[in-house]
């Protein structure tokens, strides 16, 4: 029994969605770096200005 091939339009939509997901994955390290910088800034502000 052979697998059923999706229609060309559906296959193209799936490929487009996969490409969008791949582009999102490429941006994740940038967002992680920004989040780390924000956390580091919070720690620095607490240590330097709010030491009680």
PDB file of N, CA and C in Angstrom:
ATOM      1  N   UNK A   1       0.848  -1.178   0.000  1.00  0.00           N
ATOM      2  CA  UNK A   1       0.000   0.000   0.000  1.00  0.00           C
ATOM      3  C   UNK A   1       0.897   1.246   0.000  1.00  0.00           C
ATOM      4  N   UNK A   2       0.688   2.114  -0.943  1.00  0.00           N
ATOM      5  CA  UNK A   2       1.541   3.303  -1.069  1.00  0.00           C
ATOM      6  C   UNK A   2       0.968   4.456  -0.246  1.00  0.00           C
ATOM      7  N   UNK A   3       1.836   5.322   0.269  1.00  0.00           N
ATOM      8  CA  UNK A   3       1.341   6.475   1.037  1.00  0.00           C
ATOM      9  C   UNK A   3       0.636   7.470   0.123  1.00  0.00           C
ATOM     10  N   UNK A   4      -0.280   8.187   0.693  1.00  0.00           N
ATOM     11  CA  UNK A   4      -1.034   9.169  -0.071  1.00  0.00           C
ATOM     12  C   UNK A   4      -0.242  10.468  -0.127  1.00  0.00           C
ATOM     13  N   UNK A   5      -0.057  11.006  -1.323  1.00  0.00           N
ATOM     14  CA  UNK A   5       0.647  12.275  -1.503  1.00  0.00           C
ATOM     15  C   UNK A   5      -0.337  13.429  -1.309  1.00  0.00           C
ATOM     16  N   UNK A   6       0.040  14.446  -0.522  1.00  0.00           N
ATOM     17  CA  UNK A   6      -0.860  15.600  -0.383  1.00  0.00           C
ATOM     18  C   UNK A   6      -0.879  16.410  -1.687  1.00  0.00           C
ATOM     19  N   UNK A   7      -1.942  17.130  -1.909  1.00  0.00           N
ATOM     20  CA  UNK A   7      -2.005  17.974  -3.117  1.00  0.00           C
ATOM     21  C   UNK A   7      -0.884  19.019  -3.101  1.00  0.00           C
ATOM     22  N   UNK A   8      -0.543  19.528  -4.266  1.00  0.00           N
ATOM     23  CA  UNK A   8       0.570  20.476  -4.400  1.00  0.00           C
ATOM     24  C   UNK A   8       0.331  21.726  -3.551  1.00  0.00           C
ATOM     25  N   UNK A   9      -0.903  22.210  -3.513  1.00  0.00           N
ATOM     26  CA  UNK A   9      -1.194  23.418  -2.730  1.00  0.00           C
ATOM     27  C   UNK A   9      -0.945  23.181  -1.244  1.00  0.00           C
ATOM     28  N   UNK A  10      -1.396  22.041  -0.737  1.00  0.00           N
ATOM     29  CA  UNK A  10      -1.197  21.710   0.668  1.00  0.00           C
ATOM     30  C   UNK A  10       0.289  21.521   0.961  1.00  0.00           C
ATOM     31  N   UNK A  11       0.998  20.857   0.070  1.00  0.00           N
ATOM     32  CA  UNK A  11       2.435  20.646   0.257  1.00  0.00           C
ATOM     33  C   UNK A  11       3.181  21.981   0.314  1.00  0.00           C
ATOM     34  N   UNK A  12       2.767  22.931  -0.538  1.00  0.00           N
ATOM     35  CA  UNK A  12       3.409  24.247  -0.545  1.00  0.00           C
ATOM     36  C   UNK A  12       3.117  25.007   0.746  1.00  0.00           C
ATOM     37  N   UNK A  13       1.878  24.907   1.239  1.00  0.00           N
ATOM     38  CA  UNK A  13       1.544  25.561   2.507  1.00  0.00           C
ATOM     39  C   UNK A  13       2.359  24.985   3.658  1.00  0.00           C
ATOM     40  N   UNK A  14       2.528  23.674   3.660  1.00  0.00           N
ATOM     41  CA  UNK A  14       3.320  23.030   4.712  1.00  0.00           C
ATOM     42  C   UNK A  14       4.772  23.504   4.637  1.00  0.00           C
ATOM     43  N   UNK A  15       5.320  23.581   3.426  1.00  0.00           N
ATOM     44  CA  UNK A  15       6.704  24.050   3.262  1.00  0.00           C
ATOM     45  C   UNK A  15       6.847  25.489   3.744  1.00  0.00           C
ATOM     46  N   UNK A  16       5.863  26.351   3.442  1.00  0.00           N
ATOM     47  CA  UNK A  16       5.907  27.746   3.889  1.00  0.00           C
ATOM     48  C   UNK A  16       5.887  27.832   5.414  1.00  0.00           C
ATOM     49  N   UNK A  17       5.044  27.016   6.036  1.00  0.00           N
ATOM     50  CA  UNK A  17       4.970  27.026   7.494  1.00  0.00           C
ATOM     51  C   UNK A  17       6.275  26.537   8.108  1.00  0.00           C
ATOM     52  N   UNK A  18       6.866  25.509   7.528  1.00  0.00           N
ATOM     53  CA  UNK A  18       8.151  25.028   8.026  1.00  0.00           C
ATOM     54  C   UNK A  18       9.229  26.099   7.896  1.00  0.00           C
ATOM     55  N   UNK A  19       9.214  26.838   6.813  1.00  0.00           N
ATOM     56  CA  UNK A  19      10.197  27.907   6.619  1.00  0.00           C
ATOM     57  C   UNK A  19      10.000  29.024   7.642  1.00  0.00           C
ATOM     58  N   UNK A  20       8.737  29.380   7.928  1.00  0.00           N
ATOM     59  CA  UNK A  20       8.477  30.393   8.963  1.00  0.00           C
ATOM     60  C   UNK A  20       8.979  29.920  10.316  1.00  0.00           C
ATOM     61  N   UNK A  21       8.757  28.666  10.650  1.00  0.00           N
ATOM     62  CA  UNK A  21       9.236  28.123  11.922  1.00  0.00           C
ATOM     63  C   UNK A  21      10.758  28.145  11.979  1.00  0.00           C
ATOM     64  N   UNK A  22      11.408  27.852  10.877  1.00  0.00           N
ATOM     65  CA  UNK A  22      12.871  27.848  10.833  1.00  0.00           C
ATOM     66  C   UNK A  22      13.406  29.260  11.062  1.00  0.00           C
ATOM     67  N   UNK A  23      12.775  30.265  10.460  1.00  0.00           N
ATOM     68  CA  UNK A  23      13.209  31.651  10.671  1.00  0.00           C
ATOM     69  C   UNK A  23      13.039  32.047  12.127  1.00  0.00           C
ATOM     70  N   UNK A  24      11.964  31.601  12.776  1.00  0.00           N
ATOM     71  CA  UNK A  24      11.739  31.892  14.192  1.00  0.00           C
ATOM     72  C   UNK A  24      12.845  31.264  15.026  1.00  0.00           C
ATOM     73  N   UNK A  25      13.242  30.033  14.704  1.00  0.00           N
ATOM     74  CA  UNK A  25      14.301  29.363  15.461  1.00  0.00           C
ATOM     75  C   UNK A  25      15.617  30.115  15.352  1.00  0.00           C
ATOM     76  N   UNK A  26      15.882  30.735  14.217  1.00  0.00           N
ATOM     77  CA  UNK A  26      17.131  31.484  14.059  1.00  0.00           C
ATOM     78  C   UNK A  26      17.155  32.716  14.956  1.00  0.00           C
ATOM     79  N   UNK A  27      15.994  33.276  15.294  1.00  0.00           N
ATOM     80  CA  UNK A  27      15.937  34.470  16.141  1.00  0.00           C
ATOM     81  C   UNK A  27      15.972  34.135  17.624  1.00  0.00           C
ATOM     82  N   UNK A  28      15.756  32.892  17.998  1.00  0.00           N
ATOM     83  CA  UNK A  28      15.698  32.550  19.420  1.00  0.00           C
ATOM     84  C   UNK A  28      16.978  32.894  20.182  1.00  0.00           C
ATOM     85  N   UNK A  29      18.187  32.620  19.665  1.00  0.00           N
ATOM     86  CA  UNK A  29      19.388  32.997  20.426  1.00  0.00           C
ATOM     87  C   UNK A  29      19.471  34.501  20.691  1.00  0.00           C
ATOM     88  N   UNK A  30      19.027  35.316  19.754  1.00  0.00           N
ATOM     89  CA  UNK A  30      19.021  36.764  19.963  1.00  0.00           C
ATOM     90  C   UNK A  30      18.095  37.123  21.121  1.00  0.00           C
ATOM     91  N   UNK A  31      16.899  36.554  21.122  1.00  0.00           N
ATOM     92  CA  UNK A  31      15.954  36.849  22.207  1.00  0.00           C
ATOM     93  C   UNK A  31      16.487  36.335  23.545  1.00  0.00           C
ATOM     94  N   UNK A  32      17.145  35.191  23.542  1.00  0.00           N
ATOM     95  CA  UNK A  32      17.721  34.662  24.778  1.00  0.00           C
ATOM     96  C   UNK A  32      18.810  35.598  25.288  1.00  0.00           C
ATOM     97  N   UNK A  33      19.626  36.128  24.393  1.00  0.00           N
ATOM     98  CA  UNK A  33      20.675  37.066  24.795  1.00  0.00           C
ATOM     99  C   UNK A  33      20.092  38.333  25.393  1.00  0.00           C
ATOM    100  N   UNK A  34      19.029  38.851  24.789  1.00  0.00           N
ATOM    101  CA  UNK A  34      18.376  40.048  25.323  1.00  0.00           C
ATOM    102  C   UNK A  34      17.812  39.764  26.711  1.00  0.00           C
ATOM    103  N   UNK A  35      17.196  38.606  26.884  1.00  0.00           N
ATOM    104  CA  UNK A  35      16.628  38.248  28.192  1.00  0.00           C
ATOM    105  C   UNK A  35      17.730  38.148  29.245  1.00  0.00           C
ATOM    106  N   UNK A  36      18.877  37.575  28.886  1.00  0.00           N
ATOM    107  CA  UNK A  36      19.992  37.484  29.831  1.00  0.00           C
ATOM    108  C   UNK A  36      20.516  38.868  30.202  1.00  0.00           C
ATOM    109  N   UNK A  37      20.602  39.767  29.217  1.00  0.00           N
ATOM    110  CA  UNK A  37      21.052  41.127  29.512  1.00  0.00           C
ATOM    111  C   UNK A  37      20.096  41.843  30.460  1.00  0.00           C
ATOM    112  N   UNK A  38      18.796  41.652  30.258  1.00  0.00           N
ATOM    113  CA  UNK A  38      17.811  42.277  31.143  1.00  0.00           C
ATOM    114  C   UNK A  38      17.957  41.728  32.555  1.00  0.00           C
ATOM    115  N   UNK A  39      18.122  40.411  32.686  1.00  0.00           N
ATOM    116  CA  UNK A  39      18.299  39.809  34.015  1.00  0.00           C
ATOM    117  C   UNK A  39      19.570  40.320  34.678  1.00  0.00           C
ATOM    118  N   UNK A  40      20.656  40.414  33.914  1.00  0.00           N
ATOM    119  CA  UNK A  40      21.914  40.918  34.466  1.00  0.00           C
ATOM    120  C   UNK A  40      21.752  42.367  34.908  1.00  0.00           C
ATOM    121  N   UNK A  41      21.052  43.181  34.139  1.00  0.00           N
ATOM    122  CA  UNK A  41      20.838  44.578  34.521  1.00  0.00           C
ATOM    123  C   UNK A  41      20.040  44.674  35.815  1.00  0.00           C
ATOM    124  N   UNK A  42      19.045  43.815  35.968  1.00  0.00           N
ATOM    125  CA  UNK A  42      18.248  43.825  37.202  1.00  0.00           C
ATOM    126  C   UNK A  42      19.128  43.482  38.388  1.00  0.00           C
ATOM    127  N   UNK A  43      19.969  42.472  38.244  1.00  0.00           N
ATOM    128  CA  UNK A  43      20.860  42.069  39.336  1.00  0.00           C
ATOM    129  C   UNK A  43      21.822  43.200  39.671  1.00  0.00           C
ATOM    130  N   UNK A  44      22.398  43.832  38.666  1.00  0.00           N
ATOM    131  CA  UNK A  44      23.343  44.934  38.916  1.00  0.00           C
ATOM    132  C   UNK A  44      22.654  46.088  39.632  1.00  0.00           C
ATOM    133  N   UNK A  45      21.472  46.451  39.202  1.00  0.00           N
ATOM    134  CA  UNK A  45      20.762  47.548  39.862  1.00  0.00           C
ATOM    135  C   UNK A  45      20.453  47.195  41.295  1.00  0.00           C
ATOM    136  N   UNK A  46      20.033  45.987  41.560  1.00  0.00           N
ATOM    137  CA  UNK A  46      19.713  45.585  42.937  1.00  0.00           C
ATOM    138  C   UNK A  46      20.959  45.595  43.805  1.00  0.00           C
ATOM    139  N   UNK A  47      22.079  45.108  43.289  1.00  0.00           N
ATOM    140  CA  UNK A  47      23.302  45.028  44.083  1.00  0.00           C
ATOM    141  C   UNK A  47      23.890  46.412  44.321  1.00  0.00           C
ATOM    142  N   UNK A  48      23.928  47.239  43.280  1.00  0.00           N
ATOM    143  CA  UNK A  48      24.596  48.529  43.400  1.00  0.00           C
ATOM    144  C   UNK A  48      23.743  49.559  44.117  1.00  0.00           C
ATOM    145  N   UNK A  49      22.474  49.650  43.788  1.00  0.00           N
ATOM    146  CA  UNK A  49      21.650  50.732  44.306  1.00  0.00           C
ATOM    147  C   UNK A  49      20.768  50.326  45.494  1.00  0.00           C
ATOM    148  N   UNK A  50      20.484  49.072  45.658  1.00  0.00           N
ATOM    149  CA  UNK A  50      19.537  48.676  46.700  1.00  0.00           C
ATOM    150  C   UNK A  50      20.187  47.827  47.783  1.00  0.00           C
ATOM    151  N   UNK A  51      21.498  47.917  47.943  1.00  0.00           N
ATOM    152  CA  UNK A  51      22.132  47.142  49.006  1.00  0.00           C
ATOM    153  C   UNK A  51      21.752  47.755  50.349  1.00  0.00           C
ATOM    154  N   UNK A  52      21.123  46.901  51.148  1.00  0.00           N
ATOM    155  CA  UNK A  52      20.590  47.404  52.428  1.00  0.00           C
ATOM    156  C   UNK A  52      21.364  46.767  53.566  1.00  0.00           C
TER     157      UNK A  52
END
